[in-house]
Amino acid sequence: MGKTPFLVNPFDIFSRKVDAEVLRLKEMHRQRVSESSDSREGVLIMISKLILMTELLSDCVFSGDRAMMESCTALGREFNDEEHILTTRLVQSGVSGSMIRGVIRFPYRLERIGDMLEAILASCRSRADLGISFTAAARDELRQSLAVLLNLMNGLREAFLAPTKDLLDAMKDRCEKLTRFVDDARSAHWQRLEEGACSPSESSLYREILDSINWSNDYLLKIVASPEELSAAEEKLARPGPQAFAA
């Protein structure tokens, strides 16, 4: 079986000028969502925390850095609390009609991506605790998959701010390519296991991380494949304050 295809060239469409707004977005993970927070900003804060978690986990998978893992744990707790605040407000808001699907599903899908990142974190802890090493091929496959996932998470934030057709089409294409890459990586891994090139303990952790990446990608694909939901969420959340959820 041949080597899994190499994923290269992140979306040019995701390139951003280094300006005040970009810097503000990059630092949004430091903020907290409260009952009085602007809801659109709240979603951006949550997405920013998912981006940082993905970035940290991309290192934790290989380094076993305990400090990074604790940072991920703290971000995960904040994200879960903030998702609960936002979803509760949405459920109690009286949102109805054509808005309901996009507005309610969007934070749910963000929550599921967060769950998958926490599953990767649990696998990182297990790998560090057990002293398990990955083969060079497994490291390469995970590194590429996580790099694409991080690129997609950054794209998600841009898509929420401005869900243009070009951007969503590019993200959909990238999600589908990641799905194919993960399938090829999984097949290559089973061959390594059959040949005795990796241990069962390594195989289990590798598959757990790869599956979590794949599930995250699936939820991202659901978001970008339903632009009407993304637009509905952005439109409804754009109005500041509790009145944003008036019936």
Foldseek 3Di string as FASTA:
>chain_A
DDAQDFDDDQDPVLDDDPDPVVVCLLPLCVDADDLWFQQLSLVSNLLNLLLLLLVLLLCLQAPVDPVSLVVNVVSLVRNVVSLVSNLVLQVPLPDDDPLNPLQNVVSVLSNLLSVLSVLSSVLSNVCSVVVFDDDPSLNSLSNRLSVLLSSLSSLVSVCLVPVDPVSLVVSLVSLVVSLSSLVSSLVVLVVCVVVVVHDPVNVVSSVSNSVSSNSNSVSSNVPSVCSSSSVSNSVLSVDTGSCSRHD
